N, C-alpha and C. Protein backbone atom coordinates (compact mmCIF):
# COMPACT_ATOMS: atom_id res chain seq x y z
N MET A 1 37.97 17.90 71.17
CA MET A 1 36.71 17.73 70.59
C MET A 1 36.72 15.94 71.60
N THR A 2 35.76 15.85 72.05
CA THR A 2 35.40 14.78 72.42
C THR A 2 34.97 14.17 71.31
N LEU A 3 34.40 12.25 71.23
CA LEU A 3 33.48 11.97 70.13
C LEU A 3 32.11 12.41 70.63
N ARG A 4 32.06 12.25 71.77
CA ARG A 4 30.56 12.64 72.04
C ARG A 4 30.09 13.62 71.90
N LYS A 5 31.08 14.77 72.08
CA LYS A 5 30.57 16.02 71.71
C LYS A 5 30.58 16.01 70.04
N ALA A 6 31.15 15.94 69.17
CA ALA A 6 31.00 15.67 68.10
C ALA A 6 29.79 15.16 67.19
N LEU A 7 29.35 13.93 68.26
CA LEU A 7 27.99 13.72 67.78
C LEU A 7 27.04 14.68 68.15
N VAL A 8 27.04 15.25 69.28
CA VAL A 8 25.92 16.20 69.60
C VAL A 8 26.21 17.08 68.53
N ASP A 9 27.52 17.72 67.99
CA ASP A 9 27.59 18.96 67.43
C ASP A 9 26.89 18.15 65.74
N GLU A 10 26.79 17.21 65.36
CA GLU A 10 26.51 16.12 63.98
C GLU A 10 24.91 16.41 64.14
N LEU A 11 24.53 16.13 65.84
CA LEU A 11 23.14 16.19 65.39
C LEU A 11 22.42 17.79 65.77
N GLY A 12 23.43 19.11 65.70
CA GLY A 12 22.92 20.29 65.76
C GLY A 12 22.91 20.90 66.82
N PHE A 13 23.04 20.16 68.13
CA PHE A 13 22.74 20.26 69.35
C PHE A 13 24.32 21.26 70.22
N GLY A 14 25.18 21.34 69.58
CA GLY A 14 26.54 21.65 70.03
C GLY A 14 26.49 23.32 70.99
N VAL A 15 25.54 23.62 70.34
CA VAL A 15 25.67 24.82 71.51
C VAL A 15 25.30 24.62 73.06
N PHE A 16 24.42 23.55 73.49
CA PHE A 16 23.98 23.23 74.81
C PHE A 16 25.32 22.77 75.51
N SER A 17 26.85 21.98 74.74
CA SER A 17 27.64 21.78 75.41
C SER A 17 28.47 22.77 76.33
N SER A 18 28.41 23.93 76.03
CA SER A 18 28.81 24.92 76.20
C SER A 18 28.21 25.89 77.30
N LEU A 19 26.95 25.25 77.67
CA LEU A 19 26.08 26.24 78.87
C LEU A 19 26.74 25.58 80.24
N PRO A 20 26.37 26.78 81.15
CA PRO A 20 26.76 26.30 82.31
C PRO A 20 25.79 25.76 83.01
N ASN A 21 26.05 25.23 84.45
CA ASN A 21 24.55 25.26 85.36
C ASN A 21 24.30 25.85 85.73
N TYR A 22 22.67 26.36 85.49
CA TYR A 22 21.90 27.73 85.95
C TYR A 22 20.86 27.01 85.93
N TYR A 23 20.22 27.65 87.62
CA TYR A 23 19.49 27.68 88.49
C TYR A 23 18.15 28.65 87.87
N LEU A 24 17.16 28.14 87.43
CA LEU A 24 16.20 29.47 86.86
C LEU A 24 15.33 29.15 87.86
N LYS A 25 14.73 30.74 88.06
CA LYS A 25 14.00 30.90 89.28
C LYS A 25 12.63 30.62 88.85
N GLN A 26 11.89 30.01 89.54
CA GLN A 26 10.38 29.77 89.28
C GLN A 26 9.57 31.25 89.33
N LYS A 27 9.92 31.92 90.21
CA LYS A 27 9.49 33.35 90.25
C LYS A 27 9.06 34.39 89.12
N VAL A 28 10.70 34.30 88.70
CA VAL A 28 10.80 34.89 87.38
C VAL A 28 10.57 34.30 86.10
N LEU A 29 10.25 33.16 85.75
CA LEU A 29 9.58 32.11 84.92
C LEU A 29 7.96 32.63 84.96
N LYS A 30 7.39 32.68 86.33
CA LYS A 30 6.33 32.92 86.25
C LYS A 30 5.35 33.92 85.56
N GLN A 31 6.18 34.80 86.11
CA GLN A 31 6.69 36.44 85.77
C GLN A 31 5.97 36.81 84.15
N ILE A 32 7.00 35.76 83.41
CA ILE A 32 7.04 35.82 82.21
C ILE A 32 5.84 34.98 81.36
N TYR A 33 6.05 34.07 82.04
CA TYR A 33 4.50 33.30 81.55
C TYR A 33 3.32 33.74 81.55
N ASN A 34 3.21 34.53 82.60
CA ASN A 34 1.63 34.84 82.93
C ASN A 34 1.72 36.17 82.18
N ARG A 35 2.53 36.55 81.86
CA ARG A 35 1.77 37.80 80.81
C ARG A 35 2.55 37.48 79.45
N PHE A 36 2.72 36.32 79.09
CA PHE A 36 2.67 35.70 77.61
C PHE A 36 1.46 35.38 77.46
N ASP A 37 0.62 36.24 76.21
CA ASP A 37 -0.52 35.90 75.48
C ASP A 37 -0.36 34.86 74.12
N THR A 38 -0.88 33.82 74.36
CA THR A 38 -0.55 32.82 73.43
C THR A 38 -1.92 33.02 72.55
N TYR A 39 -2.36 33.90 72.06
CA TYR A 39 -2.94 34.38 71.21
C TYR A 39 -2.56 35.56 70.24
N ASP A 40 -1.41 36.33 70.72
CA ASP A 40 -0.86 37.08 69.57
C ASP A 40 0.64 36.92 70.07
N ASN A 41 1.07 35.79 70.71
CA ASN A 41 2.28 35.64 70.65
C ASN A 41 3.26 36.77 71.06
N THR A 42 2.62 37.26 72.09
CA THR A 42 3.45 38.26 73.02
C THR A 42 3.38 37.91 74.21
N ILE A 43 4.55 38.57 74.99
CA ILE A 43 4.70 39.10 76.30
C ILE A 43 4.85 40.23 76.78
N HIS A 44 3.72 40.83 77.08
CA HIS A 44 3.20 41.94 77.73
C HIS A 44 3.65 42.54 78.93
N ALA A 45 4.84 43.42 79.17
CA ALA A 45 5.22 43.62 80.35
C ALA A 45 5.54 44.82 80.24
N VAL A 46 5.70 45.69 81.43
CA VAL A 46 6.20 46.70 81.82
C VAL A 46 7.28 47.10 80.97
N ALA A 47 8.19 46.22 80.99
CA ALA A 47 9.59 46.90 80.31
C ALA A 47 9.68 47.14 78.35
N GLY A 48 8.00 46.27 78.11
CA GLY A 48 7.30 46.78 76.52
C GLY A 48 7.23 45.36 75.96
N GLU A 49 6.43 45.10 74.79
CA GLU A 49 5.96 43.74 74.28
C GLU A 49 6.91 43.32 73.47
N VAL A 50 7.03 41.84 73.90
CA VAL A 50 8.26 41.19 73.04
C VAL A 50 7.48 39.98 72.16
N GLU A 51 7.62 40.35 70.90
CA GLU A 51 6.53 39.03 70.28
C GLU A 51 8.08 37.77 70.45
N ILE A 52 6.97 36.39 70.49
CA ILE A 52 7.33 35.29 70.41
C ILE A 52 7.34 34.70 69.05
N THR A 53 8.43 34.36 67.97
CA THR A 53 8.32 33.84 66.97
C THR A 53 9.10 32.51 66.78
N THR A 54 8.35 31.42 66.09
CA THR A 54 9.51 30.48 65.75
C THR A 54 10.70 30.41 65.20
N GLU A 55 11.19 31.76 64.42
CA GLU A 55 12.37 32.20 64.20
C GLU A 55 13.45 33.00 65.56
N LYS A 56 12.75 33.48 66.01
CA LYS A 56 13.11 33.85 67.27
C LYS A 56 13.70 32.63 68.32
N ILE A 57 13.00 31.44 68.64
CA ILE A 57 13.53 30.54 69.26
C ILE A 57 14.60 29.85 68.77
N GLY A 58 14.49 29.98 67.72
CA GLY A 58 15.63 29.38 67.09
C GLY A 58 16.72 30.32 67.46
N LYS A 59 17.10 31.31 66.85
CA LYS A 59 18.00 32.30 67.02
C LYS A 59 18.19 32.24 68.87
N ALA A 60 17.63 32.42 69.55
CA ALA A 60 17.72 32.54 71.13
C ALA A 60 18.26 30.84 71.46
N LEU A 61 18.14 29.47 70.85
CA LEU A 61 18.40 28.57 71.23
C LEU A 61 19.49 27.84 70.34
N GLY A 62 19.43 28.61 69.18
CA GLY A 62 20.64 27.87 68.24
C GLY A 62 20.19 27.24 67.50
N LEU A 63 18.70 26.80 67.44
CA LEU A 63 17.81 25.42 66.89
C LEU A 63 17.34 25.99 65.45
N ASN A 64 17.60 25.01 64.47
CA ASN A 64 16.73 25.16 62.88
C ASN A 64 15.70 25.59 63.04
N HIS A 65 15.26 26.63 62.16
CA HIS A 65 13.60 27.07 62.49
C HIS A 65 12.78 27.16 61.12
N THR A 66 13.62 26.47 60.09
CA THR A 66 13.33 26.09 58.94
C THR A 66 12.73 24.64 59.17
N GLY A 67 12.23 24.17 57.42
CA GLY A 67 12.30 23.05 57.21
C GLY A 67 10.57 21.95 57.57
N SER A 68 10.46 20.98 57.73
CA SER A 68 9.29 20.10 58.47
C SER A 68 9.36 19.64 59.96
N ILE A 69 8.56 19.42 59.87
CA ILE A 69 8.56 19.42 61.85
C ILE A 69 8.07 17.87 61.75
N TYR A 70 8.50 17.22 62.95
CA TYR A 70 8.55 16.05 63.30
C TYR A 70 7.26 15.71 63.58
N ASP A 71 6.51 14.62 63.12
CA ASP A 71 5.26 14.14 63.63
C ASP A 71 4.89 13.60 64.96
N GLU A 72 3.51 13.74 65.87
CA GLU A 72 3.46 13.99 67.22
C GLU A 72 3.19 12.60 67.45
N LYS A 73 2.72 11.99 67.13
CA LYS A 73 2.74 10.25 67.19
C LYS A 73 3.03 9.31 66.38
N ILE A 74 3.67 8.35 66.75
CA ILE A 74 3.95 7.21 66.36
C ILE A 74 2.81 5.82 65.65
N ALA A 75 2.97 5.40 64.17
CA ALA A 75 2.56 4.08 64.23
C ALA A 75 3.04 3.28 63.92
N PRO A 76 3.19 2.28 64.97
CA PRO A 76 4.15 1.07 65.36
C PRO A 76 4.17 0.50 64.18
N LYS A 77 2.92 -0.47 63.73
CA LYS A 77 2.70 -0.75 62.65
C LYS A 77 3.87 -0.57 61.30
N GLU A 78 3.59 0.58 61.30
CA GLU A 78 4.24 1.53 60.11
C GLU A 78 5.68 1.47 60.26
N LEU A 79 6.59 1.07 61.23
CA LEU A 79 7.95 1.10 61.49
C LEU A 79 8.91 -0.25 60.74
N SER A 80 10.21 0.24 60.73
CA SER A 80 10.79 -1.25 60.50
C SER A 80 11.21 -1.71 61.42
N ARG A 81 11.99 -2.96 61.49
CA ARG A 81 11.91 -3.76 62.91
C ARG A 81 13.27 -2.71 63.65
N ASP A 82 13.84 -2.41 62.82
CA ASP A 82 14.88 -1.89 64.05
C ASP A 82 14.19 -0.50 64.55
N ASP A 83 13.70 0.26 63.93
CA ASP A 83 13.23 1.28 64.89
C ASP A 83 11.99 1.10 65.50
N TYR A 84 11.61 -0.21 65.31
CA TYR A 84 10.15 -0.52 66.13
C TYR A 84 10.85 -1.31 67.41
N ASP A 85 11.92 -1.67 67.16
CA ASP A 85 12.86 -2.39 68.54
C ASP A 85 13.66 -0.59 69.34
N ALA A 86 13.93 0.01 68.90
CA ALA A 86 14.18 1.22 69.23
C ALA A 86 13.48 2.03 70.26
N TYR A 87 11.72 2.11 69.55
CA TYR A 87 11.09 2.44 69.88
C TYR A 87 10.31 1.96 71.41
N LYS A 88 10.65 0.59 71.35
CA LYS A 88 10.42 -0.13 72.48
C LYS A 88 10.94 0.21 73.36
N PHE A 89 12.45 0.29 73.29
CA PHE A 89 13.66 0.13 73.97
C PHE A 89 13.66 1.35 75.01
N PHE A 90 13.47 2.68 74.03
CA PHE A 90 13.27 4.28 74.58
C PHE A 90 11.60 4.42 75.36
N GLN A 91 11.25 3.78 75.01
CA GLN A 91 9.19 4.14 75.78
C GLN A 91 9.47 4.03 77.36
N GLY A 92 8.99 4.79 77.77
CA GLY A 92 8.83 4.81 79.07
C GLY A 92 10.55 5.33 80.30
N LYS A 93 11.56 5.07 79.23
CA LYS A 93 12.86 5.25 79.67
C LYS A 93 12.95 6.88 80.85
N THR A 94 13.42 6.76 81.68
CA THR A 94 13.24 8.00 82.87
C THR A 94 14.41 8.87 82.71
N GLN A 95 14.59 9.83 82.70
CA GLN A 95 15.94 10.58 82.91
C GLN A 95 17.00 10.42 83.15
N ALA A 96 17.26 9.52 84.55
CA ALA A 96 17.66 8.84 85.14
C ALA A 96 18.92 7.76 83.50
N ALA A 97 17.70 7.06 83.58
CA ALA A 97 18.28 5.97 82.59
C ALA A 97 18.56 6.63 81.50
N LEU A 98 18.20 7.78 80.87
CA LEU A 98 18.67 8.25 79.46
C LEU A 98 20.07 9.16 79.91
N SER A 99 20.46 9.27 80.79
CA SER A 99 22.14 9.92 81.37
C SER A 99 22.41 8.62 81.82
N SER A 100 22.11 8.04 82.22
CA SER A 100 23.14 6.30 81.94
C SER A 100 23.37 6.39 80.78
N LEU A 101 22.67 6.25 80.02
CA LEU A 101 22.95 5.57 78.64
C LEU A 101 23.66 6.72 78.15
N ILE A 102 23.73 7.87 78.50
CA ILE A 102 24.31 9.01 77.69
C ILE A 102 26.21 9.36 78.15
N PHE A 103 26.40 8.68 79.25
CA PHE A 103 27.60 8.66 79.85
C PHE A 103 28.57 7.54 80.08
N ASN A 104 27.48 6.29 80.04
CA ASN A 104 28.18 5.05 79.89
C ASN A 104 28.31 4.13 78.73
N THR A 105 27.68 4.71 77.47
CA THR A 105 27.64 3.79 76.01
C THR A 105 29.01 3.76 75.63
N LYS A 106 29.90 3.48 75.23
CA LYS A 106 30.79 3.29 74.50
C LYS A 106 30.77 3.86 73.26
N VAL A 107 30.96 5.00 72.55
CA VAL A 107 30.78 5.41 71.14
C VAL A 107 31.90 5.02 70.28
N ASP A 108 32.04 3.94 70.21
CA ASP A 108 33.47 3.05 69.67
C ASP A 108 32.72 2.71 68.38
N MET A 109 31.41 1.86 68.49
CA MET A 109 31.07 1.40 67.08
C MET A 109 29.84 2.26 66.72
N GLU A 110 29.61 1.77 65.62
CA GLU A 110 28.23 2.61 64.92
C GLU A 110 26.82 2.80 65.63
N GLU A 111 26.90 1.02 66.34
CA GLU A 111 25.75 1.07 66.49
C GLU A 111 25.51 1.67 67.77
N ASN A 112 26.85 1.91 68.89
CA ASN A 112 26.99 2.36 69.79
C ASN A 112 26.52 4.04 69.78
N LYS A 113 27.49 4.46 68.54
CA LYS A 113 26.94 6.09 68.61
C LYS A 113 25.39 6.31 68.10
N VAL A 114 24.83 4.92 67.38
CA VAL A 114 23.36 5.52 67.31
C VAL A 114 22.45 5.32 68.34
N LEU A 115 22.77 4.83 69.46
CA LEU A 115 22.32 4.79 70.45
C LEU A 115 22.10 5.79 71.22
N PHE A 116 23.66 6.53 71.48
CA PHE A 116 23.87 7.59 72.30
C PHE A 116 22.93 8.32 71.84
N LYS A 117 23.41 8.59 70.35
CA LYS A 117 22.68 10.25 69.56
C LYS A 117 20.89 9.86 70.14
N ARG A 118 20.33 8.62 69.77
CA ARG A 118 18.71 9.00 70.43
C ARG A 118 18.79 8.84 71.85
N ALA A 119 19.39 8.43 72.76
CA ALA A 119 18.88 8.71 73.99
C ALA A 119 19.70 10.17 74.41
N PHE A 120 20.23 11.07 73.65
CA PHE A 120 21.00 12.45 73.91
C PHE A 120 19.33 13.25 73.42
N LEU A 121 19.03 12.47 72.28
CA LEU A 121 17.93 13.63 71.85
C LEU A 121 16.38 13.50 72.71
N LEU A 122 16.29 12.70 73.72
CA LEU A 122 15.24 12.01 74.50
C LEU A 122 15.70 12.88 75.47
N TYR A 123 16.56 13.02 75.91
CA TYR A 123 17.13 13.45 77.49
C TYR A 123 17.07 14.89 77.06
N ILE A 124 17.71 15.71 76.15
CA ILE A 124 17.72 17.13 75.40
C ILE A 124 16.36 17.71 75.62
N GLN A 125 15.39 16.38 74.99
CA GLN A 125 13.75 17.30 75.22
C GLN A 125 13.11 16.81 76.53
N GLU A 126 13.40 16.09 77.48
CA GLU A 126 13.24 16.21 78.58
C GLU A 126 13.47 16.95 79.45
N CYS A 127 14.52 17.12 79.31
CA CYS A 127 15.22 18.04 80.40
C CYS A 127 14.96 19.87 80.05
N PHE A 128 15.12 20.03 78.72
CA PHE A 128 14.95 21.52 78.50
C PHE A 128 14.23 21.75 77.06
N LEU A 129 13.89 20.79 76.50
CA LEU A 129 13.28 21.59 75.20
C LEU A 129 11.82 21.38 75.12
N LEU A 130 11.52 20.31 75.73
CA LEU A 130 10.02 19.61 76.21
C LEU A 130 9.68 19.13 77.05
N PRO A 131 10.30 19.76 78.67
CA PRO A 131 10.22 19.56 79.99
C PRO A 131 9.09 19.11 80.52
N THR A 132 8.54 18.32 80.97
CA THR A 132 7.22 17.94 81.44
C THR A 132 7.41 17.92 83.30
N SER A 133 6.45 17.61 84.12
CA SER A 133 6.73 16.95 85.05
C SER A 133 6.68 15.71 85.28
N ALA A 134 6.28 15.00 84.38
CA ALA A 134 6.23 13.04 84.22
C ALA A 134 7.73 12.89 84.30
N PRO A 135 7.77 12.05 85.16
CA PRO A 135 9.22 10.93 85.23
C PRO A 135 9.93 10.55 83.76
N ASN A 136 8.78 10.29 83.07
CA ASN A 136 9.09 9.19 82.03
C ASN A 136 8.98 10.24 81.00
N VAL A 137 10.29 9.30 79.51
CA VAL A 137 9.93 10.25 78.43
C VAL A 137 8.46 10.29 77.28
N THR A 138 8.49 11.90 77.43
CA THR A 138 7.13 11.95 76.90
C THR A 138 6.78 11.56 75.79
N PRO A 139 5.28 11.18 74.67
CA PRO A 139 5.46 10.28 73.41
C PRO A 139 5.63 11.09 72.55
N ARG A 140 5.53 12.23 73.08
CA ARG A 140 5.68 13.76 72.18
C ARG A 140 7.21 13.54 71.54
N ALA A 141 7.77 12.99 72.40
CA ALA A 141 9.58 13.28 71.89
C ALA A 141 10.11 12.00 71.05
N LEU A 142 9.42 10.67 71.41
CA LEU A 142 10.09 9.41 70.84
C LEU A 142 9.74 9.82 68.74
N PRO A 143 9.39 10.22 68.43
CA PRO A 143 8.98 10.07 66.46
C PRO A 143 10.84 10.89 66.00
N THR A 144 11.31 11.37 67.43
CA THR A 144 12.80 12.13 67.12
C THR A 144 13.99 11.07 66.98
N LEU A 145 13.43 9.84 67.47
CA LEU A 145 13.91 8.73 67.42
C LEU A 145 14.56 7.91 65.85
N PHE A 146 13.89 8.76 65.45
CA PHE A 146 14.21 7.91 63.83
C PHE A 146 14.81 8.89 62.70
N ASP A 147 15.20 8.64 61.98
CA ASP A 147 15.74 9.49 60.52
C ASP A 147 16.64 10.28 61.40
N LEU A 148 17.61 9.98 61.92
CA LEU A 148 18.99 10.46 62.30
C LEU A 148 19.58 11.41 61.55
N GLU A 149 19.67 10.77 60.31
CA GLU A 149 20.46 11.57 59.52
C GLU A 149 19.91 13.34 59.21
N ASN A 150 18.48 13.56 59.32
CA ASN A 150 18.04 14.31 58.81
C ASN A 150 17.78 15.17 60.47
N THR A 151 18.58 14.77 61.46
CA THR A 151 17.99 15.65 62.82
C THR A 151 18.15 17.11 62.43
N ARG A 152 19.07 17.30 62.03
CA ARG A 152 19.57 18.53 62.33
C ARG A 152 18.86 19.72 61.43
N ASN A 153 18.02 19.02 60.42
CA ASN A 153 17.44 19.75 59.38
C ASN A 153 15.76 19.69 59.57
N LYS A 154 15.54 19.51 61.13
CA LYS A 154 13.97 19.24 61.32
C LYS A 154 14.06 20.77 62.08
N ASN A 155 12.68 21.16 61.98
CA ASN A 155 12.17 22.10 62.33
C ASN A 155 11.99 22.50 64.09
N TRP A 156 13.41 22.50 64.55
CA TRP A 156 13.12 22.00 66.18
C TRP A 156 12.44 23.48 66.79
N ALA A 157 12.60 24.16 66.27
CA ALA A 157 12.22 25.94 66.93
C ALA A 157 10.79 25.63 66.91
N LEU A 158 9.81 25.31 65.62
CA LEU A 158 8.94 25.23 65.00
C LEU A 158 8.26 24.31 66.54
N TYR A 159 9.12 23.05 66.37
CA TYR A 159 8.56 21.81 67.01
C TYR A 159 8.07 22.06 69.03
N VAL A 160 9.38 23.03 69.33
CA VAL A 160 9.31 23.48 70.83
C VAL A 160 8.46 24.46 70.76
N HIS A 161 8.11 24.80 70.09
CA HIS A 161 7.10 26.69 70.14
C HIS A 161 5.98 25.96 70.15
N ASN A 162 5.51 25.18 69.06
CA ASN A 162 4.20 24.45 69.05
C ASN A 162 3.74 24.00 70.73
N PHE A 163 4.73 23.12 71.30
CA PHE A 163 4.74 22.50 72.43
C PHE A 163 4.37 23.83 73.65
N LEU A 164 5.29 24.55 73.35
CA LEU A 164 5.21 25.35 74.37
C LEU A 164 3.70 26.25 74.44
N LEU A 165 3.36 26.40 73.24
CA LEU A 165 1.72 27.42 73.27
C LEU A 165 1.11 26.11 74.03
N GLU A 166 1.06 24.90 73.64
CA GLU A 166 -0.29 24.42 74.35
C GLU A 166 0.31 23.83 75.94
N GLU A 167 1.75 23.98 76.12
CA GLU A 167 1.16 23.77 77.52
C GLU A 167 0.71 24.99 78.53
N ILE A 168 1.07 26.27 77.73
CA ILE A 168 1.03 27.57 78.67
C ILE A 168 -0.30 27.38 78.54
N GLU A 169 -1.33 26.95 77.50
CA GLU A 169 -2.61 27.11 77.44
C GLU A 169 -3.20 26.58 78.50
N LYS A 170 -2.77 25.62 78.40
CA LYS A 170 -2.98 24.22 79.34
C LYS A 170 -3.02 24.55 80.51
N ALA A 171 -1.88 25.29 80.89
CA ALA A 171 -1.90 25.64 82.89
C ALA A 171 -2.57 26.84 82.70
N LYS A 172 -2.69 27.52 82.08
CA LYS A 172 -3.65 29.06 82.50
C LYS A 172 -5.13 28.25 82.79
N LYS A 173 -5.58 27.57 81.65
CA LYS A 173 -6.89 26.75 81.57
C LYS A 173 -6.60 26.50 83.45
N ASN A 174 -6.19 25.66 83.82
CA ASN A 174 -6.36 25.19 84.84
C ASN A 174 -5.64 25.61 86.20
N ASN A 175 -5.52 26.77 85.93
CA ASN A 175 -4.99 27.94 86.59
C ASN A 175 -3.56 26.60 87.62
N ALA A 176 -2.77 26.03 86.86
CA ALA A 176 -1.94 25.53 87.20
C ALA A 176 -0.76 26.72 87.68
N LYS A 177 -0.14 25.67 88.80
CA LYS A 177 1.01 26.34 89.82
C LYS A 177 2.51 26.31 88.86
N SER A 178 2.58 25.54 87.65
CA SER A 178 3.70 25.20 87.27
C SER A 178 3.46 25.14 85.42
N VAL A 179 4.29 25.44 84.54
CA VAL A 179 3.68 25.07 83.20
C VAL A 179 5.04 24.36 83.08
N SER A 180 4.57 23.31 81.77
CA SER A 180 5.60 22.34 81.09
C SER A 180 6.32 23.34 79.65
N GLY A 181 7.00 22.66 79.38
CA GLY A 181 7.88 23.41 77.84
C GLY A 181 8.51 24.19 78.03
N CYS A 182 9.72 24.33 76.96
CA CYS A 182 10.61 25.20 77.36
C CYS A 182 10.46 27.18 77.79
N CYS A 183 9.84 27.39 78.95
CA CYS A 183 9.76 28.30 79.33
C CYS A 183 10.97 29.19 79.31
N TYR A 184 12.30 28.55 79.60
CA TYR A 184 13.80 29.21 79.43
C TYR A 184 13.69 30.32 78.04
N ALA A 185 12.89 29.54 76.80
CA ALA A 185 13.02 30.15 75.46
C ALA A 185 12.41 31.60 75.97
N LEU A 186 11.08 31.84 76.63
CA LEU A 186 10.59 33.12 76.61
C LEU A 186 11.53 34.15 77.07
N MET A 187 12.07 33.35 78.35
CA MET A 187 13.24 34.57 79.15
C MET A 187 14.48 34.88 78.32
N VAL A 188 14.86 33.79 77.89
CA VAL A 188 16.00 33.96 76.76
C VAL A 188 15.24 35.59 76.06
N ILE A 189 14.54 34.78 74.84
CA ILE A 189 14.06 36.28 74.13
C ILE A 189 13.78 37.55 74.70
N TYR A 190 12.67 37.33 76.04
CA TYR A 190 12.14 38.48 76.47
C TYR A 190 13.75 39.36 76.89
N PHE A 191 14.56 38.68 77.74
CA PHE A 191 15.62 39.99 78.37
C PHE A 191 16.76 40.11 77.14
N HIS A 192 16.56 39.30 76.17
CA HIS A 192 17.46 39.80 75.01
C HIS A 192 17.37 41.01 74.24
N GLU A 193 16.00 41.07 74.03
CA GLU A 193 15.40 41.85 73.28
C GLU A 193 14.95 43.51 74.18
N THR A 194 14.95 43.50 75.50
CA THR A 194 14.52 44.38 76.36
C THR A 194 16.24 44.83 76.56
N HIS A 195 17.16 43.93 76.48
CA HIS A 195 18.56 44.96 76.63
C HIS A 195 18.89 45.02 75.48
N PHE A 196 19.26 44.41 74.53
CA PHE A 196 20.02 44.81 73.16
C PHE A 196 18.80 45.43 72.07
N GLY A 197 17.60 45.26 71.97
CA GLY A 197 16.57 46.13 71.35
C GLY A 197 16.54 44.90 70.11
N LYS A 198 15.43 45.46 69.35
CA LYS A 198 14.82 44.06 68.09
C LYS A 198 15.88 44.48 67.09
N ASN A 199 16.59 45.18 66.83
CA ASN A 199 17.44 44.72 65.55
C ASN A 199 19.23 45.57 66.09
N SER A 200 19.65 45.35 67.08
CA SER A 200 20.53 45.07 67.43
C SER A 200 21.82 44.97 66.43
N GLN A 201 22.69 45.30 66.49
CA GLN A 201 24.19 44.35 65.58
C GLN A 201 25.61 44.26 66.71
N ASP A 202 24.96 44.40 68.00
CA ASP A 202 26.02 43.78 68.71
C ASP A 202 26.77 42.80 68.85
N ALA A 203 28.01 42.41 68.46
CA ALA A 203 28.32 41.37 68.64
C ALA A 203 27.78 40.11 69.73
N ALA A 204 27.46 40.95 70.60
CA ALA A 204 26.97 39.84 71.89
C ALA A 204 25.33 39.29 71.31
N ALA A 205 25.26 40.07 70.62
CA ALA A 205 23.25 39.74 70.67
C ALA A 205 23.09 39.20 69.11
N GLN A 206 24.30 38.24 68.68
CA GLN A 206 24.01 37.89 67.93
C GLN A 206 23.93 36.03 68.28
N PRO A 207 23.25 35.21 67.46
CA PRO A 207 22.53 34.01 67.38
C PRO A 207 23.57 32.96 67.91
N PRO A 208 23.86 32.10 68.67
CA PRO A 208 22.43 32.06 69.80
C PRO A 208 22.75 32.53 70.69
N TRP A 209 21.23 33.56 70.88
CA TRP A 209 21.34 34.30 71.86
C TRP A 209 21.70 33.46 73.76
N ILE A 210 21.53 32.18 73.82
CA ILE A 210 21.33 31.74 75.05
C ILE A 210 22.90 31.95 75.30
N GLN A 211 24.05 32.21 74.29
CA GLN A 211 25.27 31.94 74.86
C GLN A 211 25.54 32.82 75.50
N TYR A 212 24.85 34.21 75.22
CA TYR A 212 25.20 35.28 76.04
C TYR A 212 24.26 35.38 77.70
């Protein structure tokens, strides 16, 4: 186990390090989110109805689905000097810049470990958990830069769920061709339940479902 992977595991995102590169066809995603009703949190499809809950998102992606959620906004004047510096440093960073920090930061000192963790948290949100069409870090993700000791105890599943609902509602209202948010979670839950059923005891059906 490399030190970088150990730091990712420490944050609670170790499951993502074992995932292969996978191209998600937009046609498949569009069919799923078009049939997703945000009013009752249910995908109404030919194969059956699949309810989307925060707990299922947690099981699907290997995320914590209990505890408190991150604040949506930051009050810069209330931050400590170190947190404010981190906030200003990462504000507006691109995915490419975050990727460079992740792979080029030497994690041999505590200060660099903190830098790596913060860069990784923003990167995983920009690419997977809270993806948007914007090239820069979404302000919604910046509060996760702080309180790193409690990162894995935060309710990431609810955090992802809330953002997804907001973005799908926005996309449908505006008749958008694409939608932001982790629609991948919808796909994993949909295919998992239509394949294994709702109460399967199959070993392959155990969380995190994304590994299957």
